[in-house]
Protein backbone atom coordinates (compact mmCIF):
# COMPACT_ATOMS: atom_id res chain seq x y z
CA UNK A 1 -84.97 33.73 31.88
CA UNK A 2 -86.81 31.85 29.11
CA UNK A 3 -85.49 28.51 27.92
CA UNK A 4 -84.10 28.03 24.43
CA UNK A 5 -86.52 25.74 22.51
CA UNK A 6 -83.65 24.32 20.45
CA UNK A 7 -82.23 22.67 23.58
CA UNK A 8 -85.02 20.10 23.54
CA UNK A 9 -83.75 18.85 20.18
CA UNK A 10 -80.86 17.16 22.05
CA UNK A 11 -83.09 15.54 24.69
CA UNK A 12 -84.03 12.06 23.43
CA UNK A 13 -87.56 12.02 24.86
CA UNK A 14 -88.35 15.38 23.22
CA UNK A 15 -86.35 14.82 20.02
CA UNK A 16 -89.40 14.22 17.78
CA UNK A 17 -91.25 17.35 18.88
CA UNK A 18 -91.66 19.92 16.12
CA UNK A 19 -90.66 23.56 16.48
CA UNK A 20 -94.12 24.69 17.66
CA UNK A 21 -94.28 21.96 20.30
CA UNK A 22 -90.80 22.81 21.59
CA UNK A 23 -91.79 26.49 21.71
CA UNK A 24 -94.86 25.67 23.80
CA UNK A 25 -92.75 23.62 26.19
CA UNK A 26 -90.05 26.30 26.42
CA UNK A 27 -92.65 28.90 27.49
CA UNK A 28 -93.72 26.77 30.47
CA UNK A 29 -90.36 25.81 31.99
CA UNK A 30 -87.90 27.70 34.19
CA UNK A 31 -84.09 27.96 34.10
CA UNK A 32 -82.31 27.11 37.34
CA UNK A 33 -78.67 27.61 38.40
CA UNK A 34 -76.87 25.23 40.76
CA UNK A 35 -73.44 25.77 42.28
CA UNK A 36 -70.76 23.08 42.33
CA UNK A 37 -71.46 20.61 45.14
CA UNK A 38 -75.08 21.71 45.55
CA UNK A 39 -77.67 18.98 46.09
CA UNK A 40 -80.49 19.40 43.56
CA UNK A 41 -82.72 16.81 45.23
CA UNK A 42 -82.29 13.99 47.70
CA UNK A 43 -83.70 10.47 47.84
CA UNK A 44 -87.15 10.70 49.43
CA UNK A 45 -87.81 14.28 48.27
CA UNK A 46 -91.10 14.76 46.40
CA UNK A 47 -90.56 14.09 42.69
CA UNK A 48 -92.39 17.22 41.58
CA UNK A 49 -89.85 18.32 38.98
CA UNK A 50 -87.44 16.99 36.38
CA UNK A 51 -84.40 18.78 34.97
CA UNK A 52 -82.76 19.11 31.57
CA UNK A 53 -79.07 19.96 31.87
CA UNK A 54 -77.95 22.93 29.75
CA UNK A 55 -74.39 23.21 31.03
CA UNK A 56 -72.44 21.33 33.68
CA UNK A 57 -72.72 17.78 35.01
CA UNK A 58 -74.98 16.17 37.59
CA UNK A 59 -74.38 12.82 39.30
CA UNK A 60 -77.24 10.61 40.52
CA UNK A 61 -76.47 8.24 43.38
CA UNK A 62 -78.44 5.95 45.63
CA UNK A 63 -77.60 4.30 48.94
CA UNK A 64 -77.12 0.53 48.86
CA UNK A 65 -78.29 -1.80 51.61
CA UNK A 66 -74.69 -2.02 52.82
CA UNK A 67 -74.63 1.76 53.31
CA UNK A 68 -72.34 2.65 50.41
CA UNK A 69 -73.26 5.11 47.65
CA UNK A 70 -73.83 3.69 44.17
CA UNK A 71 -73.49 5.95 41.13
CA UNK A 72 -76.63 5.35 39.05
CA UNK A 73 -76.07 7.84 36.24
CA UNK A 74 -74.42 11.10 35.22
CA UNK A 75 -76.34 13.81 33.34
CA UNK A 76 -74.38 16.06 31.01
CA UNK A 77 -75.57 18.83 28.68
CA UNK A 78 -78.82 17.79 26.97
CA UNK A 79 -79.57 14.98 29.43
CA UNK A 80 -82.75 14.81 31.51
CA UNK A 81 -82.92 13.46 35.06
CA UNK A 82 -85.68 13.02 37.63
CA UNK A 83 -88.29 12.47 34.90
CA UNK A 84 -89.73 9.14 36.09
CA UNK A 85 -90.36 10.44 39.61
CA UNK A 86 -91.92 13.61 38.24
CA UNK A 87 -94.28 11.80 35.88
CA UNK A 88 -95.22 9.23 38.53
CA UNK A 89 -95.67 11.88 41.21
CA UNK A 90 -93.53 9.74 43.51
CA UNK A 91 -90.56 10.50 45.72
CA UNK A 92 -87.09 10.47 44.19
CA UNK A 93 -85.11 7.25 44.62
CA UNK A 94 -81.74 8.90 44.01
CA UNK A 95 -79.80 11.97 45.08
CA UNK A 96 -78.74 14.46 42.38
CA UNK A 97 -75.53 16.39 43.03
CA UNK A 98 -74.05 19.10 40.81
CA UNK A 99 -70.45 18.13 40.02
CA UNK A 100 -69.76 21.63 38.71
CA UNK A 101 -71.59 24.90 38.21
CA UNK A 102 -74.72 23.75 36.37
CA UNK A 103 -77.55 25.41 34.50
CA UNK A 104 -80.66 23.26 34.08
CA UNK A 105 -84.20 23.66 32.78
CA UNK A 106 -86.82 22.78 35.38
CA UNK A 107 -89.85 20.87 34.11
CA UNK A 108 -92.89 19.87 36.19
CA UNK A 109 -96.06 17.86 35.52
CA UNK A 110 -98.05 20.98 34.67
CA UNK A 111 -95.56 21.84 31.92
CA UNK A 112 -96.04 18.42 30.32
CA UNK A 113 -99.81 18.60 30.77
CA UNK A 114 -100.04 22.01 29.11
CA UNK A 115 -97.87 20.77 26.24
CA UNK A 116 -100.16 17.77 25.73
CA UNK A 117 -103.28 19.92 25.93
CA UNK A 118 -101.91 22.35 23.36
CA UNK A 119 -100.30 19.66 21.20
CA UNK A 120 -101.89 16.24 21.95
CA UNK A 121 -99.83 14.50 19.28
CA UNK A 122 -96.65 15.53 21.12
CA UNK A 123 -97.42 12.74 23.56
CA UNK A 124 -97.15 10.19 20.78
CA UNK A 125 -93.74 11.56 19.86
CA UNK A 126 -92.60 11.34 23.48
CA UNK A 127 -94.00 7.81 23.72
CA UNK A 128 -92.14 6.81 20.55
CA UNK A 129 -88.81 8.11 21.82
CA UNK A 130 -89.31 6.44 25.21
CA UNK A 131 -90.01 3.13 23.47
CA UNK A 132 -86.78 3.54 21.49
CA UNK A 133 -84.91 4.16 24.76
CA UNK A 134 -86.41 0.99 26.20
CA UNK A 135 -85.31 -1.06 23.17
CA UNK A 136 -81.84 0.47 23.38
CA UNK A 137 -81.65 -0.39 27.09
CA UNK A 138 -82.66 -3.98 26.38
CA UNK A 139 -80.02 -4.25 23.66
CA UNK A 140 -77.41 -2.73 25.95
CA UNK A 141 -78.24 -5.17 28.73
CA UNK A 142 -78.13 -8.06 26.25
CA UNK A 143 -74.66 -7.21 24.94
CA UNK A 144 -73.05 -5.47 27.89
CA UNK A 145 -70.38 -7.41 29.78
CA UNK A 146 -69.16 -6.53 33.23
CA UNK A 147 -65.52 -5.90 33.97
CA UNK A 148 -63.68 -9.22 33.97
CA UNK A 149 -62.57 -9.95 37.56
CA UNK A 150 -59.60 -11.93 36.24
CA UNK A 151 -58.37 -8.87 34.35
CA UNK A 152 -58.99 -6.67 37.40
CA UNK A 153 -56.78 -8.89 39.53
CA UNK A 154 -54.11 -9.41 36.89
CA UNK A 155 -53.53 -5.66 36.84
CA UNK A 156 -52.14 -5.94 40.41
CA UNK A 157 -50.78 -9.49 40.19
CA UNK A 158 -47.28 -9.99 41.59
CA UNK A 159 -44.72 -12.57 40.46
CA UNK A 160 -45.27 -14.61 43.64
CA UNK A 161 -49.04 -14.75 43.06
CA UNK A 162 -48.49 -15.78 39.47
CA UNK A 163 -46.19 -18.60 40.61
CA UNK A 164 -48.74 -19.68 43.25
CA UNK A 165 -51.46 -19.98 40.60
CA UNK A 166 -49.15 -21.99 38.34
CA UNK A 167 -48.17 -24.34 41.19
CA UNK A 168 -51.81 -24.83 42.19
CA UNK A 169 -52.83 -25.58 38.60
CA UNK A 170 -50.02 -28.11 38.13
CA UNK A 171 -50.43 -29.65 41.59
CA UNK A 172 -54.09 -30.36 40.92
CA UNK A 173 -53.59 -32.06 37.55
CA UNK A 174 -53.23 -35.67 36.45
CA UNK A 175 -49.86 -34.75 34.98
CA UNK A 176 -48.54 -34.01 38.48
CA UNK A 177 -50.03 -37.23 39.90
CA UNK A 178 -48.53 -39.33 37.10
CA UNK A 179 -45.11 -37.67 37.28
CA UNK A 180 -44.99 -37.85 41.08
CA UNK A 181 -46.03 -41.53 41.06
CA UNK A 182 -43.30 -42.35 38.56
CA UNK A 183 -40.66 -40.54 40.62
CA UNK A 184 -41.73 -42.36 43.80
CA UNK A 185 -41.73 -45.72 42.02
CA UNK A 186 -38.26 -45.19 40.57
CA UNK A 187 -36.92 -43.92 43.91
CA UNK A 188 -38.27 -46.93 45.82
CA UNK A 189 -37.14 -49.39 43.13
CA UNK A 190 -33.57 -48.09 43.03
CA UNK A 191 -33.21 -48.10 46.81
CA UNK A 192 -34.61 -51.62 46.91
CA UNK A 193 -32.19 -53.03 44.29
CA UNK A 194 -28.96 -51.38 45.41
CA UNK A 195 -26.73 -53.31 47.80
CA UNK A 196 -25.94 -50.12 49.69
CA UNK A 197 -28.95 -47.81 49.16
CA UNK A 198 -28.71 -44.21 50.35
CA UNK A 199 -32.27 -44.47 51.73
CA UNK A 200 -33.07 -48.04 52.76
CA UNK A 201 -36.52 -49.22 53.80
CA UNK A 202 -38.61 -47.69 55.40
CA UNK A 203 -37.34 -44.78 53.28
CA UNK A 204 -36.99 -42.18 56.04
CA UNK A 205 -35.28 -39.68 53.72
CA UNK A 206 -38.15 -40.03 51.23
CA UNK A 207 -40.68 -39.36 54.00
CA UNK A 208 -38.72 -36.21 54.91
CA UNK A 209 -38.84 -35.04 51.30
CA UNK A 210 -42.60 -35.73 51.09
CA UNK A 211 -43.28 -33.90 54.36
CA UNK A 212 -41.23 -30.92 53.22
CA UNK A 213 -43.03 -30.87 49.86
CA UNK A 214 -46.44 -31.01 51.56
CA UNK A 215 -45.47 -28.24 53.99
CA UNK A 216 -44.43 -25.96 51.11
CA UNK A 217 -47.19 -26.89 48.70
CA UNK A 218 -50.08 -26.41 51.16
CA UNK A 219 -49.63 -22.64 51.79
CA UNK A 220 -48.93 -22.04 48.08
CA UNK A 221 -52.25 -23.70 47.18
CA UNK A 222 -53.97 -21.68 49.93
CA UNK A 223 -52.58 -18.49 48.37
CA UNK A 224 -54.14 -19.44 45.06
CA UNK A 225 -57.44 -20.29 46.76
CA UNK A 226 -57.47 -16.90 48.49
CA UNK A 227 -57.02 -15.24 45.11
CA UNK A 228 -59.93 -17.28 43.75
CA UNK A 229 -62.08 -16.15 46.69
CA UNK A 230 -61.17 -12.55 45.87
CA UNK A 231 -62.17 -13.12 42.25
CA UNK A 232 -65.51 -14.53 43.38
CA UNK A 233 -66.14 -11.51 45.61
CA UNK A 234 -65.31 -9.09 42.80
CA UNK A 235 -67.49 -11.07 40.38
CA UNK A 236 -70.39 -11.01 42.85
CA UNK A 237 -70.01 -7.27 43.42
CA UNK A 238 -69.92 -6.56 39.69
CA UNK A 239 -72.98 -8.74 39.08
CA UNK A 240 -74.82 -6.91 41.86
CA UNK A 241 -73.98 -3.49 40.43
CA UNK A 242 -74.98 -4.46 36.89
CA UNK A 243 -78.24 -6.04 38.06
CA UNK A 244 -79.07 -3.06 40.25
CA UNK A 245 -78.40 -0.56 37.48
CA UNK A 246 -80.39 -2.68 35.01
CA UNK A 247 -83.34 -2.84 37.39
CA UNK A 248 -83.27 0.92 37.95
CA UNK A 249 -83.01 1.71 34.25
CA UNK A 250 -85.78 -0.67 33.21
CA UNK A 251 -88.07 0.52 36.02
CA UNK A 252 -87.46 4.14 35.06
CA UNK A 253 -88.13 3.55 31.37
CA UNK A 254 -91.27 1.50 32.06
CA UNK A 255 -92.54 4.22 34.39
CA UNK A 256 -91.95 6.81 31.66
CA UNK A 257 -93.85 4.70 29.15
CA UNK A 258 -96.80 4.18 31.50
CA UNK A 259 -97.06 7.83 32.54
CA UNK A 260 -96.70 9.18 29.01
CA UNK A 261 -99.32 6.69 27.82
CA UNK A 262 -101.72 7.92 30.50
CA UNK A 263 -101.10 11.54 29.53
CA UNK A 264 -101.66 10.77 25.86
CA UNK A 265 -104.91 8.89 26.51
CA UNK A 266 -106.20 11.64 28.82
CA UNK A 267 -105.32 14.36 26.29
CA UNK A 268 -106.97 12.50 23.42
CA UNK A 269 -110.10 11.92 25.52
CA UNK A 270 -110.24 15.63 26.43
CA UNK A 271 -109.88 16.55 22.77
CA UNK A 272 -112.70 14.25 21.76
CA UNK A 273 -114.95 15.66 24.49
CA UNK A 274 -114.28 19.20 23.32
CA UNK A 275 -115.10 18.35 19.71
CA UNK A 276 -118.29 16.57 20.86
């Protein structure tokens, strides 16, 4: 079944192609159907082909060093995936899984080569759109903020945890030290001046109060510290995911730029040789 040339209008890297160039590309490609849950390609498979989603959704994942799966991207209608591996002729780094019944256009290196041979200037259009994607990725990485770990924890924060944080904040402040010193000074002064003090020297009752306060305050502060450790772990995990996704996106875009540049130069050189 032939591909509809108008579909390439919605694919960013092919958006600047004119109608004739899209028609040439549409004649070279094939339409593939994937059932829900079907693996389109796995990490390590030869990157011989890329796909443009017509209908459905495809999820790209990769395996982290810890063994868990990381969602790298999701391709909906009009999106292209597997392009960098196809252009580089390298193995796929991710696994593509159809989340629903999906129809996709299959593109290989020969399709791109024949397009550039028939329409050499199409490579410049593809290079221009890839450069725009790279600038957009840089801008996104510059302005994008990860999920705030404080907000993530506050969504599940209980009243007891909130009180523990408040006690830890107050207990570690100069206000607490000043207030506690004043209370101790007044307590000792009163029991020293009274003829019949309720807690004479060596202030055994005061020592009991201080021991009780320390016994209660210590686990409350530890609760707050445990929450801070959890925040640090969440923050580290979010930073890792953002950095990993940024590295993958930048590497993919740079690979696209390099491969398209090589195709453009080769096509222009072939055209010059033919005219000579």
